[in-house]
C-alpha atoms as a PDB file:
ATOM      1  CA  MET A   1      63.425 -52.237 -43.256  1.00  0.00           C
ATOM      2  CA  VAL A   2      64.616 -53.422 -39.828  1.00  0.00           C
ATOM      3  CA  LYS A   3      68.108 -52.014 -40.483  1.00  0.00           C
ATOM      4  CA  LYS A   4      66.673 -48.534 -41.202  1.00  0.00           C
ATOM      5  CA  ILE A   5      64.718 -48.526 -37.949  1.00  0.00           C
ATOM      6  CA  ALA A   6      67.789 -49.683 -35.986  1.00  0.00           C
ATOM      7  CA  ALA A   7      69.930 -46.990 -37.647  1.00  0.00           C
ATOM      8  CA  THR A   8      67.309 -44.355 -36.830  1.00  0.00           C
ATOM      9  CA  GLU A   9      67.187 -45.451 -33.179  1.00  0.00           C
ATOM     10  CA  GLU A  10      70.989 -45.439 -32.991  1.00  0.00           C
ATOM     11  CA  LEU A  11      71.090 -41.952 -34.522  1.00  0.00           C
ATOM     12  CA  LYS A  12      68.483 -40.686 -32.047  1.00  0.00           C
ATOM     13  CA  GLU A  13      70.535 -42.081 -29.158  1.00  0.00           C
ATOM     14  CA  LYS A  14      73.736 -40.442 -30.435  1.00  0.00           C
ATOM     15  CA  LEU A  15      71.906 -37.144 -30.918  1.00  0.00           C
ATOM     16  CA  ALA A  16      70.508 -37.293 -27.376  1.00  0.00           C
ATOM     17  CA  ASN A  17      73.993 -38.010 -25.973  1.00  0.00           C
ATOM     18  CA  ALA A  18      75.480 -35.123 -27.965  1.00  0.00           C
ATOM     19  CA  ARG A  19      72.791 -32.741 -26.705  1.00  0.00           C
ATOM     20  CA  ALA A  20      73.352 -33.839 -23.109  1.00  0.00           C
ATOM     21  CA  LYS A  21      77.101 -33.303 -23.464  1.00  0.00           C
ATOM     22  CA  SER A  22      76.545 -29.882 -25.056  1.00  0.00           C
ATOM     23  CA  ASP A  23      74.174 -28.878 -22.236  1.00  0.00           C
ATOM     24  CA  ALA A  24      76.727 -29.959 -19.611  1.00  0.00           C
ATOM     25  CA  ILE A  25      79.471 -27.903 -21.265  1.00  0.00           C
ATOM     26  CA  ALA A  26      77.161 -24.912 -21.654  1.00  0.00           C
ATOM     27  CA  THR A  27      76.531 -24.831 -17.896  1.00  0.00           C
ATOM     28  CA  SER A  28      80.219 -25.131 -16.999  1.00  0.00           C
ATOM     29  CA  GLU A  29      81.768 -22.814 -19.610  1.00  0.00           C
ATOM     30  CA  PRO A  30      80.514 -19.309 -20.357  1.00  0.00           C
ATOM     31  CA  ARG A  31      79.003 -18.819 -23.807  1.00  0.00           C
ATOM     32  CA  ALA A  32      78.204 -15.617 -25.656  1.00  0.00           C
ATOM     33  CA  THR A  33      74.563 -14.620 -25.368  1.00  0.00           C
ATOM     34  CA  ARG A  34      74.678 -11.243 -27.121  1.00  0.00           C
ATOM     35  CA  ALA A  35      77.177  -9.045 -28.944  1.00  0.00           C
ATOM     36  CA  PHE A  36      77.127  -5.580 -30.447  1.00  0.00           C
ATOM     37  CA  TYR A  37      79.458  -2.952 -31.898  1.00  0.00           C
ATOM     38  CA  ASP A  38      79.924   0.221 -29.837  1.00  0.00           C
ATOM     39  CA  ALA A  39      80.846   2.875 -32.409  1.00  0.00           C
ATOM     40  CA  TYR A  40      81.759   5.433 -29.727  1.00  0.00           C
ATOM     41  CA  LEU A  41      84.361   3.113 -28.181  1.00  0.00           C
ATOM     42  CA  GLY A  42      85.245   1.371 -31.452  1.00  0.00           C
ATOM     43  CA  MET A  43      84.822  -1.959 -29.683  1.00  0.00           C
ATOM     44  CA  ILE A  44      82.925  -5.198 -30.065  1.00  0.00           C
ATOM     45  CA  ILE A  45      81.155  -5.898 -26.764  1.00  0.00           C
ATOM     46  CA  VAL A  46      80.214  -9.491 -25.869  1.00  0.00           C
ATOM     47  CA  PHE A  47      77.869 -10.574 -23.066  1.00  0.00           C
ATOM     48  CA  LEU A  48      78.411 -14.056 -21.632  1.00  0.00           C
ATOM     49  CA  SER A  49      76.053 -16.599 -20.085  1.00  0.00           C
ATOM     50  CA  ASN A  50      77.758 -16.229 -16.681  1.00  0.00           C
ATOM     51  CA  LYS A  51      76.667 -12.562 -16.582  1.00  0.00           C
ATOM     52  CA  SER A  52      80.173 -11.337 -17.475  1.00  0.00           C
ATOM     53  CA  MET A  53      81.120  -9.273 -20.471  1.00  0.00           C
ATOM     54  CA  PHE A  54      84.242  -8.432 -22.392  1.00  0.00           C
ATOM     55  CA  GLY A  55      85.172  -6.284 -25.333  1.00  0.00           C
ATOM     56  CA  PHE A  56      87.930  -5.862 -27.864  1.00  0.00           C
ATOM     57  CA  PRO A  57      88.871  -3.114 -30.327  1.00  0.00           C
ATOM     58  CA  SER A  58      87.308  -3.865 -33.704  1.00  0.00           C
ATOM     59  CA  GLU A  59      90.562  -2.893 -35.454  1.00  0.00           C
ATOM     60  CA  GLU A  60      92.281  -5.836 -33.738  1.00  0.00           C
ATOM     61  CA  GLY A  61      89.972  -8.520 -35.139  1.00  0.00           C
ATOM     62  CA  GLU A  62      91.112 -10.152 -38.371  1.00  0.00           C
ATOM     63  CA  GLY A  63      88.815  -9.035 -41.174  1.00  0.00           C
ATOM     64  CA  LEU A  64      87.310  -6.208 -39.135  1.00  0.00           C
ATOM     65  CA  ALA A  65      89.993  -3.523 -39.531  1.00  0.00           C
ATOM     66  CA  GLY A  66      88.704  -0.740 -41.742  1.00  0.00           C
ATOM     67  CA  ALA A  67      85.151  -2.117 -41.872  1.00  0.00           C
ATOM     68  CA  SER A  68      82.235   0.318 -41.882  1.00  0.00           C
ATOM     69  CA  VAL A  69      80.183   1.002 -38.762  1.00  0.00           C
ATOM     70  CA  LYS A  70      77.174  -0.538 -40.543  1.00  0.00           C
ATOM     71  CA  ASP A  71      79.062  -3.777 -41.287  1.00  0.00           C
ATOM     72  CA  LEU A  72      80.523  -4.019 -37.771  1.00  0.00           C
ATOM     73  CA  ALA A  73      77.044  -3.519 -36.275  1.00  0.00           C
ATOM     74  CA  GLU A  74      75.824  -6.679 -38.030  1.00  0.00           C
ATOM     75  CA  VAL A  75      77.679  -8.969 -35.617  1.00  0.00           C
ATOM     76  CA  GLU A  76      75.860 -12.186 -34.719  1.00  0.00           C
ATOM     77  CA  VAL A  77      76.515 -14.750 -31.998  1.00  0.00           C
ATOM     78  CA  THR A  78      76.780 -18.290 -33.379  1.00  0.00           C
ATOM     79  CA  PRO A  79      74.116 -20.769 -32.198  1.00  0.00           C
ATOM     80  CA  SER A  80      76.639 -22.532 -29.931  1.00  0.00           C
ATOM     81  CA  GLY A  81      77.634 -19.228 -28.323  1.00  0.00           C
ATOM     82  CA  GLU A  82      81.290 -19.992 -29.057  1.00  0.00           C
ATOM     83  CA  GLY A  83      81.773 -17.560 -31.920  1.00  0.00           C
ATOM     84  CA  LEU A  84      80.970 -14.254 -33.552  1.00  0.00           C
ATOM     85  CA  HIS A  85      79.955 -13.963 -37.186  1.00  0.00           C
ATOM     86  CA  TRP A  86      79.727 -11.054 -39.628  1.00  0.00           C
ATOM     87  CA  LYS A  87      77.835 -12.212 -42.725  1.00  0.00           C
ATOM     88  CA  THR A  88      78.566  -9.120 -44.845  1.00  0.00           C
ATOM     89  CA  LEU A  89      82.288  -9.257 -44.006  1.00  0.00           C
ATOM     90  CA  ASP A  90      82.513 -13.077 -44.173  1.00  0.00           C
ATOM     91  CA  VAL A  91      84.327 -13.071 -40.812  1.00  0.00           C
ATOM     92  CA  ASP A  92      84.119 -15.616 -37.996  1.00  0.00           C
ATOM     93  CA  LEU A  93      85.985 -15.209 -34.705  1.00  0.00           C
ATOM     94  CA  SER A  94      86.197 -17.650 -31.794  1.00  0.00           C
ATOM     95  CA  ILE A  95      85.040 -16.368 -28.387  1.00  0.00           C
ATOM     96  CA  PRO A  96      87.541 -18.526 -26.409  1.00  0.00           C
ATOM     97  CA  ALA A  97      90.383 -17.331 -28.664  1.00  0.00           C
ATOM     98  CA  LEU A  98      89.316 -13.679 -28.342  1.00  0.00           C
ATOM     99  CA  MET A  99      89.204 -14.019 -24.556  1.00  0.00           C
ATOM    100  CA  ASN A 100      92.785 -15.305 -24.711  1.00  0.00           C
ATOM    101  CA  GLY A 101      93.913 -12.330 -26.786  1.00  0.00           C
ATOM    102  CA  ILE A 102      93.992 -14.201 -30.109  1.00  0.00           C
ATOM    103  CA  PHE A 103      92.315 -11.970 -32.681  1.00  0.00           C
ATOM    104  CA  GLY A 104      92.972 -14.034 -35.815  1.00  0.00           C
ATOM    105  CA  THR A 105      95.430 -16.331 -37.574  1.00  0.00           C
ATOM    106  CA  LYS A 106      99.138 -16.582 -36.689  1.00  0.00           C
ATOM    107  CA  LYS A 107      99.932 -14.364 -39.677  1.00  0.00           C
ATOM    108  CA  TRP A 108      97.434 -11.718 -38.491  1.00  0.00           C
ATOM    109  CA  MET A 109      98.782 -11.820 -34.930  1.00  0.00           C
ATOM    110  CA  ALA A 110     102.363 -11.460 -36.213  1.00  0.00           C
ATOM    111  CA  GLU A 111     101.297  -8.377 -38.160  1.00  0.00           C
ATOM    112  CA  LEU A 112      99.637  -6.895 -35.060  1.00  0.00           C
ATOM    113  CA  ALA A 113     102.834  -7.520 -33.074  1.00  0.00           C
ATOM    114  CA  ARG A 114     104.964  -5.923 -35.789  1.00  0.00           C
ATOM    115  CA  LYS A 115     102.766  -2.819 -35.813  1.00  0.00           C
ATOM    116  CA  GLY A 116     102.737  -2.640 -32.016  1.00  0.00           C
ATOM    117  CA  GLY A 117     106.519  -2.869 -31.754  1.00  0.00           C
ATOM    118  CA  SER A 118     107.076  -0.128 -34.302  1.00  0.00           C
ATOM    119  CA  SER A 119     104.599   2.315 -32.812  1.00  0.00           C
ATOM    120  CA  THR A 120     105.841   5.513 -31.277  1.00  0.00           C
ATOM    121  CA  SER A 121     104.318   7.593 -28.542  1.00  0.00           C
ATOM    122  CA  ALA A 122     105.295  10.479 -26.327  1.00  0.00           C
ATOM    123  CA  ALA A 123     105.775   8.053 -23.423  1.00  0.00           C
ATOM    124  CA  LYS A 124     108.015   5.761 -25.497  1.00  0.00           C
ATOM    125  CA  SER A 125     110.108   8.719 -26.701  1.00  0.00           C
ATOM    126  CA  GLU A 126     110.461  10.090 -23.164  1.00  0.00           C
ATOM    127  CA  ALA A 127     111.525   6.694 -21.796  1.00  0.00           C
ATOM    128  CA  SER A 128     114.151   6.397 -24.522  1.00  0.00           C
ATOM    129  CA  ARG A 129     115.409   9.917 -23.823  1.00  0.00           C
ATOM    130  CA  LEU A 130     115.649   9.219 -20.067  1.00  0.00           C
ATOM    131  CA  ASN A 131     117.455   5.960 -20.708  1.00  0.00           C
ATOM    132  CA  GLY A 132     120.002   7.820 -22.853  1.00  0.00           C
ATOM    133  CA  THR A 133     120.781  10.273 -20.035  1.00  0.00           C
ATOM    134  CA  LYS A 134     122.031   7.439 -17.847  1.00  0.00           C
ATOM    135  CA  GLY A 135     125.255   7.376 -19.797  1.00  0.00           C
ATOM    136  CA  ASP A 136     127.403   4.428 -20.670  1.00  0.00           C
ATOM    137  CA  ARG A 137     126.842   1.565 -18.330  1.00  0.00           C
ATOM    138  CA  SER A 138     129.777  -0.375 -17.051  1.00  0.00           C
ATOM    139  CA  ARG A 139     129.918  -3.995 -17.994  1.00  0.00           C
ATOM    140  CA  ASN A 140     129.760  -6.750 -15.439  1.00  0.00           C
ATOM    141  CA  VAL A 141     133.278  -8.091 -15.883  1.00  0.00           C
ATOM    142  CA  LEU A 142     134.735 -10.549 -13.446  1.00  0.00           C
ATOM    143  CA  PRO A 143     138.360  -9.850 -12.411  1.00  0.00           C
ATOM    144  CA  ILE A 144     140.889 -12.201 -13.896  1.00  0.00           C
ATOM    145  CA  ASP A 145     142.975 -14.043 -11.341  1.00  0.00           C
ATOM    146  CA  GLU A 146     146.641 -13.607 -12.149  1.00  0.00           C
ATOM    147  CA  ALA A 147     148.784 -16.592 -11.463  1.00  0.00           C
END
């Protein structure tokens, strides 16, 4: 019986230390306090504990591309404030990763990069056309010293 009481006291102490550490981190690092989907902008908007906010296009988030407005609107902030969760989509995204431009796994990010590099736009076409009008560029060749 004494061992159970000692284990319980030890567990309570560890829990108190963990809570104190979590509280210290929460005051020094911004956490999500609220999030919602803005259908007009097509973006997930996140409010942070430091009174800042940020957003990202829902199509960029892994598991969110092609989701319905109703499903996207069901975004929840995790209890720690470090993540976003969509129960109906079975999607979890990390707030710190999102703020660093990481919208999913390495495979997902590689796919986003591939799509971005292959996209065409009027500006990209015009830049290519202007670059072509510059003609052949001379090479930087050093003169050879003749002996």
